[in-house]
């Protein structure tokens, strides 16, 4: 691992695994500690020498994991990763329900959405998606629009370190390796 005052670069090898339908690699503890946040971190880097850009996910245990493309490594394969903390966040994929609510919202709400940082948009997207319940999700879409309407630029009191993909995590925590 190496770090400078300008850029954080993390290098490690780790086994690929599958949790549910998701292929991933857990970062070793020292690699996670080198990152600037316990929550999501935008990175560029390489996987076995192939470049990629992604957002590293929190595991709910003060660590992180990286989603792999389905064909990139089989479970149990050891992969070599280099992660460089990105200066700029990529735009999130806004889910259809939130995108429709934003499109239907008054112009000033869309202007706030366009004005907030990509990182803040990632936080809204993650907060809306951090539930398996369709009822809770629909409520969160409505609450998002209301909060933005009332000047909130980020979902309030949102614990980024334990908010990971609900299709992978249980109660905000990535399951222990099998």
N, C-alpha and C. Protein backbone atom coordinates (compact mmCIF):
# COMPACT_ATOMS: atom_id res chain seq x y z
N UNK A 1 0.84 -1.17 0.00
CA UNK A 1 0.00 0.00 0.00
C UNK A 1 0.88 1.23 0.00
N UNK A 2 0.47 2.24 -0.73
CA UNK A 2 1.20 3.49 -0.69
C UNK A 2 0.19 4.62 -0.64
N UNK A 3 0.60 5.69 -0.02
CA UNK A 3 -0.27 6.85 0.05
C UNK A 3 0.59 8.10 -0.01
N UNK A 4 0.10 9.13 -0.66
CA UNK A 4 0.77 10.42 -0.68
C UNK A 4 -0.23 11.46 -0.21
N UNK A 5 0.24 12.68 -0.08
CA UNK A 5 -0.67 13.72 0.37
C UNK A 5 -1.73 14.04 -0.67
N UNK A 6 -1.44 13.77 -1.94
CA UNK A 6 -2.38 14.09 -3.01
C UNK A 6 -3.29 12.93 -3.36
N UNK A 7 -2.75 11.73 -3.38
CA UNK A 7 -3.49 10.59 -3.88
C UNK A 7 -3.31 9.40 -2.94
N UNK A 8 -4.38 8.66 -2.73
CA UNK A 8 -4.29 7.43 -1.97
C UNK A 8 -4.38 6.28 -2.96
N UNK A 9 -3.36 5.42 -2.93
CA UNK A 9 -3.33 4.22 -3.76
C UNK A 9 -3.24 3.02 -2.84
N UNK A 10 -4.10 2.04 -3.07
CA UNK A 10 -4.15 0.84 -2.25
C UNK A 10 -3.95 -0.35 -3.19
N UNK A 11 -3.00 -1.21 -2.85
CA UNK A 11 -2.75 -2.41 -3.64
C UNK A 11 -2.89 -3.64 -2.73
N UNK A 12 -3.54 -4.69 -3.25
CA UNK A 12 -3.71 -5.90 -2.45
C UNK A 12 -4.13 -7.05 -3.35
N UNK A 13 -4.01 -8.25 -2.82
CA UNK A 13 -4.58 -9.43 -3.46
C UNK A 13 -5.60 -10.01 -2.48
N UNK A 14 -6.65 -10.58 -3.04
CA UNK A 14 -7.71 -11.15 -2.21
C UNK A 14 -8.52 -12.12 -3.06
N UNK A 15 -9.22 -13.05 -2.42
CA UNK A 15 -10.03 -14.00 -3.18
C UNK A 15 -11.36 -13.38 -3.62
N UNK A 16 -11.79 -13.75 -4.81
CA UNK A 16 -13.13 -13.39 -5.28
C UNK A 16 -14.12 -14.32 -4.59
N UNK A 17 -15.33 -13.82 -4.38
CA UNK A 17 -16.38 -14.65 -3.80
C UNK A 17 -17.72 -14.19 -4.35
N UNK A 18 -18.74 -14.96 -4.08
CA UNK A 18 -20.08 -14.60 -4.49
C UNK A 18 -20.95 -14.52 -3.24
N UNK A 19 -21.68 -13.41 -3.12
CA UNK A 19 -22.67 -13.24 -2.06
C UNK A 19 -23.99 -12.99 -2.77
N UNK A 20 -24.93 -13.91 -2.59
CA UNK A 20 -26.18 -13.84 -3.36
C UNK A 20 -25.84 -13.98 -4.83
N UNK A 21 -26.23 -13.01 -5.62
CA UNK A 21 -25.91 -13.02 -7.05
C UNK A 21 -24.75 -12.09 -7.39
N UNK A 22 -24.07 -11.57 -6.37
CA UNK A 22 -23.04 -10.56 -6.59
C UNK A 22 -21.64 -11.14 -6.43
N UNK A 23 -20.81 -10.98 -7.44
CA UNK A 23 -19.40 -11.35 -7.37
C UNK A 23 -18.65 -10.17 -6.79
N UNK A 24 -17.80 -10.43 -5.78
CA UNK A 24 -17.11 -9.33 -5.10
C UNK A 24 -15.77 -9.77 -4.53
N UNK A 25 -15.01 -8.77 -4.10
CA UNK A 25 -13.77 -8.97 -3.36
C UNK A 25 -13.83 -8.09 -2.13
N UNK A 26 -13.55 -8.68 -0.97
CA UNK A 26 -13.47 -7.91 0.27
C UNK A 26 -12.07 -7.33 0.37
N UNK A 27 -11.97 -6.06 0.77
CA UNK A 27 -10.66 -5.46 0.97
C UNK A 27 -10.09 -5.97 2.29
N UNK A 28 -8.78 -6.29 2.32
CA UNK A 28 -8.15 -6.60 3.60
C UNK A 28 -8.27 -5.40 4.53
N UNK A 29 -8.23 -5.63 5.84
CA UNK A 29 -8.43 -4.56 6.83
C UNK A 29 -7.47 -3.40 6.61
N UNK A 30 -6.20 -3.68 6.33
CA UNK A 30 -5.25 -2.57 6.16
C UNK A 30 -5.56 -1.77 4.90
N UNK A 31 -6.10 -2.40 3.88
CA UNK A 31 -6.48 -1.68 2.66
C UNK A 31 -7.67 -0.77 2.94
N UNK A 32 -8.66 -1.27 3.69
CA UNK A 32 -9.82 -0.44 4.04
C UNK A 32 -9.41 0.75 4.90
N UNK A 33 -8.52 0.51 5.85
CA UNK A 33 -8.08 1.61 6.73
C UNK A 33 -7.37 2.71 5.95
N UNK A 34 -6.76 2.38 4.82
CA UNK A 34 -6.05 3.37 4.03
C UNK A 34 -6.99 4.30 3.26
N UNK A 35 -8.25 3.91 3.12
CA UNK A 35 -9.21 4.73 2.38
C UNK A 35 -9.68 5.90 3.26
N UNK A 36 -10.10 7.00 2.63
CA UNK A 36 -10.44 8.20 3.40
C UNK A 36 -11.81 8.19 4.07
N UNK A 37 -12.61 7.15 3.87
CA UNK A 37 -13.95 7.12 4.43
C UNK A 37 -14.32 5.69 4.77
N UNK A 38 -15.16 5.52 5.79
CA UNK A 38 -15.70 4.18 6.10
C UNK A 38 -16.90 3.91 5.22
N UNK A 39 -17.41 4.91 4.51
CA UNK A 39 -18.52 4.75 3.59
C UNK A 39 -18.03 4.48 2.18
N UNK A 40 -18.87 4.81 1.21
CA UNK A 40 -18.51 4.61 -0.19
C UNK A 40 -17.32 5.51 -0.55
N UNK A 41 -16.45 4.98 -1.43
CA UNK A 41 -15.28 5.73 -1.89
C UNK A 41 -15.17 5.53 -3.39
N UNK A 42 -15.13 6.63 -4.14
CA UNK A 42 -14.96 6.55 -5.59
C UNK A 42 -13.50 6.26 -5.89
N UNK A 43 -13.27 5.29 -6.77
CA UNK A 43 -11.91 4.89 -7.13
C UNK A 43 -11.79 4.63 -8.62
N UNK A 44 -10.57 4.73 -9.10
CA UNK A 44 -10.17 4.17 -10.38
C UNK A 44 -9.14 3.12 -10.03
N UNK A 45 -8.78 2.29 -10.96
CA UNK A 45 -7.77 1.30 -10.63
C UNK A 45 -7.69 0.21 -11.64
N UNK A 46 -7.16 -0.92 -11.17
CA UNK A 46 -7.05 -2.07 -12.06
C UNK A 46 -7.32 -3.35 -11.30
N UNK A 47 -7.88 -4.31 -12.02
CA UNK A 47 -8.14 -5.65 -11.51
C UNK A 47 -7.36 -6.59 -12.41
N UNK A 48 -6.36 -7.24 -11.83
CA UNK A 48 -5.48 -8.10 -12.62
C UNK A 48 -4.98 -7.37 -13.87
N UNK A 49 -4.65 -6.07 -13.70
CA UNK A 49 -4.08 -5.28 -14.78
C UNK A 49 -5.09 -4.60 -15.70
N UNK A 50 -6.37 -4.94 -15.58
CA UNK A 50 -7.41 -4.33 -16.43
C UNK A 50 -7.99 -3.10 -15.73
N UNK A 51 -7.99 -1.94 -16.38
CA UNK A 51 -8.48 -0.72 -15.73
C UNK A 51 -9.99 -0.72 -15.53
N UNK A 52 -10.42 -0.04 -14.48
CA UNK A 52 -11.84 0.13 -14.20
C UNK A 52 -12.03 1.35 -13.31
N UNK A 53 -13.26 1.80 -13.19
CA UNK A 53 -13.65 2.84 -12.24
C UNK A 53 -14.91 2.37 -11.56
N UNK A 54 -15.00 2.62 -10.26
CA UNK A 54 -16.16 2.15 -9.50
C UNK A 54 -16.28 2.94 -8.21
N UNK A 55 -17.24 2.56 -7.41
CA UNK A 55 -17.37 3.06 -6.06
C UNK A 55 -17.21 1.85 -5.14
N UNK A 56 -16.22 1.91 -4.25
CA UNK A 56 -15.98 0.86 -3.27
C UNK A 56 -17.07 0.97 -2.22
N UNK A 57 -17.63 -0.16 -1.85
CA UNK A 57 -18.78 -0.20 -0.94
C UNK A 57 -18.36 -0.49 0.50
N UNK A 58 -19.06 0.09 1.49
CA UNK A 58 -18.80 -0.26 2.88
C UNK A 58 -19.37 -1.64 3.18
N UNK A 59 -18.73 -2.35 4.12
CA UNK A 59 -19.23 -3.69 4.46
C UNK A 59 -20.01 -3.71 5.77
N UNK A 60 -20.18 -2.54 6.42
CA UNK A 60 -20.91 -2.48 7.68
C UNK A 60 -20.10 -2.95 8.86
N UNK A 61 -18.83 -3.27 8.62
CA UNK A 61 -17.94 -3.75 9.68
C UNK A 61 -16.65 -2.93 9.71
N UNK A 62 -16.74 -1.68 9.24
CA UNK A 62 -15.62 -0.75 9.15
C UNK A 62 -14.64 -1.12 8.04
N UNK A 63 -15.08 -1.97 7.12
CA UNK A 63 -14.28 -2.36 5.97
C UNK A 63 -15.00 -2.04 4.68
N UNK A 64 -14.50 -2.59 3.58
CA UNK A 64 -15.06 -2.32 2.26
C UNK A 64 -15.03 -3.56 1.38
N UNK A 65 -15.78 -3.47 0.28
CA UNK A 65 -15.74 -4.51 -0.76
C UNK A 65 -15.89 -3.85 -2.11
N UNK A 66 -15.47 -4.60 -3.15
CA UNK A 66 -15.55 -4.12 -4.53
C UNK A 66 -16.37 -5.11 -5.34
N UNK A 67 -17.35 -4.60 -6.08
CA UNK A 67 -18.17 -5.42 -6.97
C UNK A 67 -17.33 -5.77 -8.20
N UNK A 68 -17.38 -7.04 -8.59
CA UNK A 68 -16.67 -7.50 -9.79
C UNK A 68 -17.67 -7.77 -10.90
N UNK A 69 -17.23 -7.61 -12.13
CA UNK A 69 -18.05 -8.03 -13.25
C UNK A 69 -18.22 -9.54 -13.16
N UNK A 70 -19.39 -10.07 -13.52
CA UNK A 70 -19.64 -11.51 -13.34
C UNK A 70 -18.58 -12.43 -13.94
N UNK A 71 -18.01 -12.10 -15.08
CA UNK A 71 -17.04 -12.98 -15.71
C UNK A 71 -15.59 -12.69 -15.38
N UNK A 72 -15.33 -11.76 -14.46
CA UNK A 72 -13.95 -11.32 -14.24
C UNK A 72 -13.11 -12.29 -13.42
N UNK A 73 -13.70 -13.00 -12.49
CA UNK A 73 -12.96 -13.95 -11.65
C UNK A 73 -13.96 -14.92 -11.04
N UNK A 74 -13.56 -16.16 -10.95
CA UNK A 74 -14.42 -17.18 -10.34
C UNK A 74 -14.27 -17.13 -8.83
N UNK A 75 -15.30 -17.53 -8.10
CA UNK A 75 -15.17 -17.58 -6.64
C UNK A 75 -13.96 -18.42 -6.25
N UNK A 76 -13.17 -17.89 -5.33
CA UNK A 76 -11.96 -18.56 -4.88
C UNK A 76 -10.71 -18.13 -5.62
N UNK A 77 -10.85 -17.57 -6.83
CA UNK A 77 -9.68 -17.05 -7.55
C UNK A 77 -9.09 -15.88 -6.78
N UNK A 78 -7.78 -15.82 -6.70
CA UNK A 78 -7.12 -14.67 -6.09
C UNK A 78 -6.92 -13.62 -7.16
N UNK A 79 -7.37 -12.40 -6.86
CA UNK A 79 -7.24 -11.29 -7.80
C UNK A 79 -6.31 -10.24 -7.21
N UNK A 80 -5.69 -9.49 -8.10
CA UNK A 80 -4.80 -8.41 -7.70
C UNK A 80 -5.49 -7.09 -8.04
N UNK A 81 -5.66 -6.26 -7.04
CA UNK A 81 -6.33 -4.97 -7.24
C UNK A 81 -5.41 -3.82 -6.88
N UNK A 82 -5.54 -2.76 -7.66
CA UNK A 82 -4.94 -1.47 -7.32
C UNK A 82 -6.07 -0.46 -7.37
N UNK A 83 -6.29 0.23 -6.28
CA UNK A 83 -7.34 1.23 -6.18
C UNK A 83 -6.71 2.59 -5.92
N UNK A 84 -7.11 3.57 -6.70
CA UNK A 84 -6.66 4.95 -6.53
C UNK A 84 -7.89 5.78 -6.22
N UNK A 85 -7.89 6.44 -5.07
CA UNK A 85 -9.04 7.26 -4.71
C UNK A 85 -9.20 8.34 -5.77
N UNK A 86 -10.39 8.40 -6.34
CA UNK A 86 -10.68 9.33 -7.43
C UNK A 86 -10.89 10.74 -6.91
N UNK A 87 -10.44 11.70 -7.67
CA UNK A 87 -10.67 13.10 -7.31
C UNK A 87 -12.13 13.48 -7.56
N UNK A 88 -12.74 12.88 -8.57
CA UNK A 88 -14.12 13.20 -8.94
C UNK A 88 -14.97 11.93 -8.83
N UNK A 89 -16.19 12.10 -8.35
CA UNK A 89 -17.11 10.98 -8.27
C UNK A 89 -17.82 10.80 -9.60
N UNK A 90 -18.02 9.55 -10.01
CA UNK A 90 -18.84 9.33 -11.22
C UNK A 90 -20.30 9.60 -10.89
N UNK A 91 -21.09 9.84 -11.91
CA UNK A 91 -22.52 10.01 -11.69
C UNK A 91 -23.14 8.66 -11.34
N UNK A 92 -24.05 8.64 -10.37
CA UNK A 92 -24.72 7.37 -10.04
C UNK A 92 -25.78 7.04 -11.08
N UNK A 93 -26.12 5.77 -11.14
CA UNK A 93 -27.29 5.36 -11.91
C UNK A 93 -28.50 5.65 -11.01
N UNK A 94 -29.30 6.61 -11.42
CA UNK A 94 -30.47 6.98 -10.62
C UNK A 94 -31.59 6.00 -10.95
N UNK A 95 -32.11 5.30 -9.93
CA UNK A 95 -33.17 4.33 -10.19
C UNK A 95 -34.42 5.01 -10.76
N UNK A 96 -35.16 4.24 -11.50
CA UNK A 96 -36.31 4.77 -12.23
C UNK A 96 -37.31 5.49 -11.32
N UNK A 97 -37.60 4.92 -10.15
CA UNK A 97 -38.60 5.56 -9.28
C UNK A 97 -38.15 6.92 -8.79
N UNK A 98 -36.88 7.05 -8.42
CA UNK A 98 -36.36 8.34 -7.98
C UNK A 98 -36.25 9.31 -9.15
N UNK A 99 -35.81 8.81 -10.31
CA UNK A 99 -35.71 9.67 -11.50
C UNK A 99 -37.08 10.21 -11.90
N UNK A 100 -38.10 9.38 -11.84
CA UNK A 100 -39.46 9.84 -12.17
C UNK A 100 -39.95 10.88 -11.18
N UNK A 101 -39.66 10.67 -9.90
CA UNK A 101 -40.08 11.65 -8.89
C UNK A 101 -39.36 12.98 -9.08
N UNK A 102 -38.09 12.91 -9.40
CA UNK A 102 -37.34 14.15 -9.66
C UNK A 102 -37.88 14.86 -10.90
N UNK A 103 -38.16 14.10 -11.95
CA UNK A 103 -38.68 14.70 -13.18
C UNK A 103 -40.04 15.36 -12.95
N UNK A 104 -40.85 14.79 -12.06
CA UNK A 104 -42.18 15.34 -11.79
C UNK A 104 -42.16 16.46 -10.75
N UNK A 105 -41.02 16.63 -10.07
CA UNK A 105 -40.93 17.63 -9.01
C UNK A 105 -40.83 19.04 -9.58
N UNK A 106 -41.15 20.03 -8.75
CA UNK A 106 -41.00 21.43 -9.20
C UNK A 106 -39.56 21.71 -9.63
N UNK A 107 -39.43 22.69 -10.49
CA UNK A 107 -38.12 23.01 -11.08
C UNK A 107 -37.05 23.28 -10.04
N UNK A 108 -37.39 23.97 -8.93
CA UNK A 108 -36.36 24.30 -7.93
C UNK A 108 -35.76 23.04 -7.30
N UNK A 109 -36.53 21.96 -7.21
CA UNK A 109 -36.00 20.70 -6.67
C UNK A 109 -35.04 20.09 -7.67
N UNK A 110 -35.38 20.10 -8.94
CA UNK A 110 -34.47 19.58 -9.98
C UNK A 110 -33.19 20.42 -10.03
N UNK A 111 -33.32 21.72 -9.81
CA UNK A 111 -32.13 22.58 -9.81
C UNK A 111 -31.20 22.23 -8.65
N UNK A 112 -31.76 21.94 -7.48
CA UNK A 112 -30.93 21.52 -6.34
C UNK A 112 -30.26 20.21 -6.67
N UNK A 113 -31.00 19.25 -7.22
CA UNK A 113 -30.44 17.95 -7.59
C UNK A 113 -29.27 18.14 -8.55
N UNK A 114 -29.44 19.00 -9.53
CA UNK A 114 -28.38 19.25 -10.50
C UNK A 114 -27.19 19.96 -9.87
N UNK A 115 -27.43 20.73 -8.81
CA UNK A 115 -26.38 21.52 -8.18
C UNK A 115 -25.57 20.74 -7.14
N UNK A 116 -26.15 19.70 -6.53
CA UNK A 116 -25.40 18.96 -5.51
C UNK A 116 -24.30 18.14 -6.19
N UNK A 117 -23.35 17.71 -5.40
CA UNK A 117 -22.22 16.96 -5.94
C UNK A 117 -22.64 15.55 -6.35
N UNK A 118 -21.89 14.93 -7.25
CA UNK A 118 -22.18 13.53 -7.57
C UNK A 118 -22.13 12.64 -6.32
N UNK A 119 -21.23 12.92 -5.38
CA UNK A 119 -21.17 12.14 -4.15
C UNK A 119 -22.49 12.25 -3.38
N UNK A 120 -23.04 13.46 -3.30
CA UNK A 120 -24.32 13.64 -2.62
C UNK A 120 -25.42 12.90 -3.35
N UNK A 121 -25.41 12.90 -4.70
CA UNK A 121 -26.42 12.15 -5.45
C UNK A 121 -26.28 10.66 -5.18
N UNK A 122 -25.03 10.14 -5.06
CA UNK A 122 -24.82 8.74 -4.69
C UNK A 122 -25.47 8.46 -3.35
N UNK A 123 -25.33 9.39 -2.39
CA UNK A 123 -25.91 9.17 -1.06
C UNK A 123 -27.43 9.10 -1.13
N UNK A 124 -28.08 9.97 -1.91
CA UNK A 124 -29.53 9.91 -2.06
C UNK A 124 -29.94 8.58 -2.70
N UNK A 125 -29.24 8.19 -3.77
CA UNK A 125 -29.56 6.94 -4.46
C UNK A 125 -29.40 5.76 -3.51
N UNK A 126 -28.32 5.74 -2.74
CA UNK A 126 -28.09 4.64 -1.81
C UNK A 126 -29.15 4.62 -0.72
N UNK A 127 -29.51 5.78 -0.18
CA UNK A 127 -30.50 5.84 0.89
C UNK A 127 -31.85 5.31 0.39
N UNK A 128 -32.25 5.72 -0.79
CA UNK A 128 -33.50 5.24 -1.36
C UNK A 128 -33.43 3.72 -1.56
N UNK A 129 -32.30 3.22 -2.02
CA UNK A 129 -32.17 1.81 -2.34
C UNK A 129 -31.80 0.91 -1.18
N UNK A 130 -31.52 1.47 -0.02
CA UNK A 130 -31.02 0.66 1.10
C UNK A 130 -32.14 -0.01 1.88
N UNK A 131 -33.09 -0.57 1.17
CA UNK A 131 -34.18 -1.32 1.79
C UNK A 131 -34.68 -2.36 0.80
N UNK A 132 -35.19 -3.44 1.31
CA UNK A 132 -35.81 -4.45 0.45
C UNK A 132 -37.32 -4.24 0.34
N UNK A 133 -37.85 -3.42 1.23
CA UNK A 133 -39.30 -3.21 1.29
C UNK A 133 -39.73 -2.20 0.23
N UNK A 134 -40.65 -2.60 -0.64
CA UNK A 134 -41.16 -1.69 -1.67
C UNK A 134 -41.88 -0.51 -1.02
N UNK A 135 -42.58 -0.75 0.08
CA UNK A 135 -43.29 0.32 0.77
C UNK A 135 -42.29 1.34 1.35
N UNK A 136 -41.26 0.86 1.99
CA UNK A 136 -40.24 1.76 2.56
C UNK A 136 -39.52 2.52 1.46
N UNK A 137 -39.22 1.83 0.38
CA UNK A 137 -38.54 2.48 -0.73
C UNK A 137 -39.40 3.62 -1.31
N UNK A 138 -40.67 3.35 -1.53
CA UNK A 138 -41.57 4.39 -2.06
C UNK A 138 -41.64 5.57 -1.09
N UNK A 139 -41.69 5.28 0.19
CA UNK A 139 -41.72 6.35 1.19
C UNK A 139 -40.42 7.16 1.10
N UNK A 140 -39.29 6.49 0.95
CA UNK A 140 -38.00 7.20 0.88
C UNK A 140 -37.91 8.08 -0.37
N UNK A 141 -38.48 7.66 -1.47
CA UNK A 141 -38.50 8.51 -2.66
C UNK A 141 -39.25 9.80 -2.35
N UNK A 142 -40.44 9.68 -1.74
CA UNK A 142 -41.22 10.86 -1.39
C UNK A 142 -40.52 11.74 -0.37
N UNK A 143 -39.91 11.11 0.63
CA UNK A 143 -39.19 11.87 1.65
C UNK A 143 -37.99 12.58 1.03
N UNK A 144 -37.33 11.96 0.06
CA UNK A 144 -36.19 12.60 -0.62
C UNK A 144 -36.63 13.90 -1.27
N UNK A 145 -37.72 13.84 -2.01
CA UNK A 145 -38.22 15.04 -2.68
C UNK A 145 -38.57 16.11 -1.65
N UNK A 146 -39.23 15.71 -0.57
CA UNK A 146 -39.61 16.65 0.48
C UNK A 146 -38.38 17.27 1.15
N UNK A 147 -37.39 16.45 1.46
CA UNK A 147 -36.18 16.97 2.10
C UNK A 147 -35.46 17.96 1.18
N UNK A 148 -35.33 17.60 -0.08
CA UNK A 148 -34.68 18.52 -1.03
C UNK A 148 -35.48 19.81 -1.11
N UNK A 149 -36.80 19.70 -1.11
CA UNK A 149 -37.67 20.87 -1.14
C UNK A 149 -37.44 21.76 0.09
N UNK A 150 -37.06 21.16 1.20
CA UNK A 150 -36.81 21.90 2.44
C UNK A 150 -35.33 22.22 2.65
N UNK A 151 -34.54 22.17 1.57
CA UNK A 151 -33.16 22.64 1.64
C UNK A 151 -32.10 21.60 1.96
N UNK A 152 -32.50 20.35 2.15
CA UNK A 152 -31.51 19.31 2.46
C UNK A 152 -30.77 18.93 1.17
N UNK A 153 -29.46 18.88 1.26
CA UNK A 153 -28.64 18.52 0.11
C UNK A 153 -28.11 17.09 0.22
N UNK A 154 -28.32 16.48 1.37
CA UNK A 154 -27.93 15.09 1.62
C UNK A 154 -28.98 14.47 2.53
N UNK A 155 -29.14 13.13 2.45
CA UNK A 155 -30.08 12.50 3.38
C UNK A 155 -29.53 12.63 4.81
N UNK A 156 -30.31 13.17 5.69
CA UNK A 156 -29.89 13.48 7.06
C UNK A 156 -29.66 12.21 7.88
N UNK A 157 -28.64 12.29 8.74
CA UNK A 157 -28.39 11.24 9.73
C UNK A 157 -28.21 9.87 9.09
N UNK A 158 -27.64 9.84 7.93
CA UNK A 158 -27.45 8.61 7.18
C UNK A 158 -26.08 8.06 7.49
N UNK A 159 -26.01 6.85 8.05
CA UNK A 159 -24.74 6.22 8.42
C UNK A 159 -24.13 5.56 7.20
N UNK A 160 -23.20 6.26 6.56
CA UNK A 160 -22.60 5.76 5.32
C UNK A 160 -21.78 4.49 5.52
N UNK A 161 -21.24 4.29 6.73
CA UNK A 161 -20.38 3.13 6.94
C UNK A 161 -21.14 1.82 7.01
N UNK A 162 -22.44 1.88 7.25
CA UNK A 162 -23.20 0.64 7.32
C UNK A 162 -24.30 0.59 6.26
N UNK A 163 -24.16 1.41 5.26
CA UNK A 163 -25.17 1.41 4.21
C UNK A 163 -24.56 0.83 2.95
N UNK A 164 -24.77 -0.44 2.79
CA UNK A 164 -24.24 -1.13 1.63
C UNK A 164 -25.41 -1.69 0.83
N UNK A 165 -25.14 -2.26 -0.28
CA UNK A 165 -26.14 -2.78 -1.19
C UNK A 165 -27.05 -3.79 -0.46
N UNK A 166 -28.36 -3.53 -0.39
CA UNK A 166 -29.24 -4.45 0.34
C UNK A 166 -29.37 -5.82 -0.30
N UNK A 167 -29.00 -5.94 -1.58
CA UNK A 167 -29.04 -7.25 -2.22
C UNK A 167 -27.87 -8.12 -1.77
N UNK A 168 -26.88 -7.50 -1.15
CA UNK A 168 -25.68 -8.21 -0.70
C UNK A 168 -25.63 -8.30 0.83
N UNK A 169 -26.10 -7.26 1.50
CA UNK A 169 -25.96 -7.16 2.96
C UNK A 169 -27.23 -7.57 3.69
N UNK A 170 -27.06 -7.87 4.94
CA UNK A 170 -28.18 -8.14 5.85
C UNK A 170 -28.01 -7.20 7.04
N UNK A 171 -29.03 -6.41 7.33
CA UNK A 171 -28.98 -5.43 8.42
C UNK A 171 -27.76 -4.52 8.31
N UNK A 172 -27.43 -4.13 7.08
CA UNK A 172 -26.33 -3.21 6.85
C UNK A 172 -24.96 -3.81 6.91
N UNK A 173 -24.86 -5.14 6.99
CA UNK A 173 -23.56 -5.79 7.10
C UNK A 173 -23.41 -6.88 6.05
N UNK A 174 -22.26 -6.87 5.38
CA UNK A 174 -21.92 -7.93 4.45
C UNK A 174 -21.78 -9.21 5.26
N UNK A 175 -22.40 -10.31 4.84
CA UNK A 175 -22.27 -11.56 5.61
C UNK A 175 -20.82 -12.00 5.73
N UNK A 176 -20.52 -12.69 6.83
CA UNK A 176 -19.18 -13.24 6.99
C UNK A 176 -18.89 -14.18 5.84
N UNK A 177 -17.61 -14.28 5.44
CA UNK A 177 -17.29 -15.22 4.35
C UNK A 177 -17.64 -16.64 4.74
N UNK A 178 -18.07 -17.42 3.74
CA UNK A 178 -18.44 -18.81 4.05
C UNK A 178 -17.21 -19.68 4.15
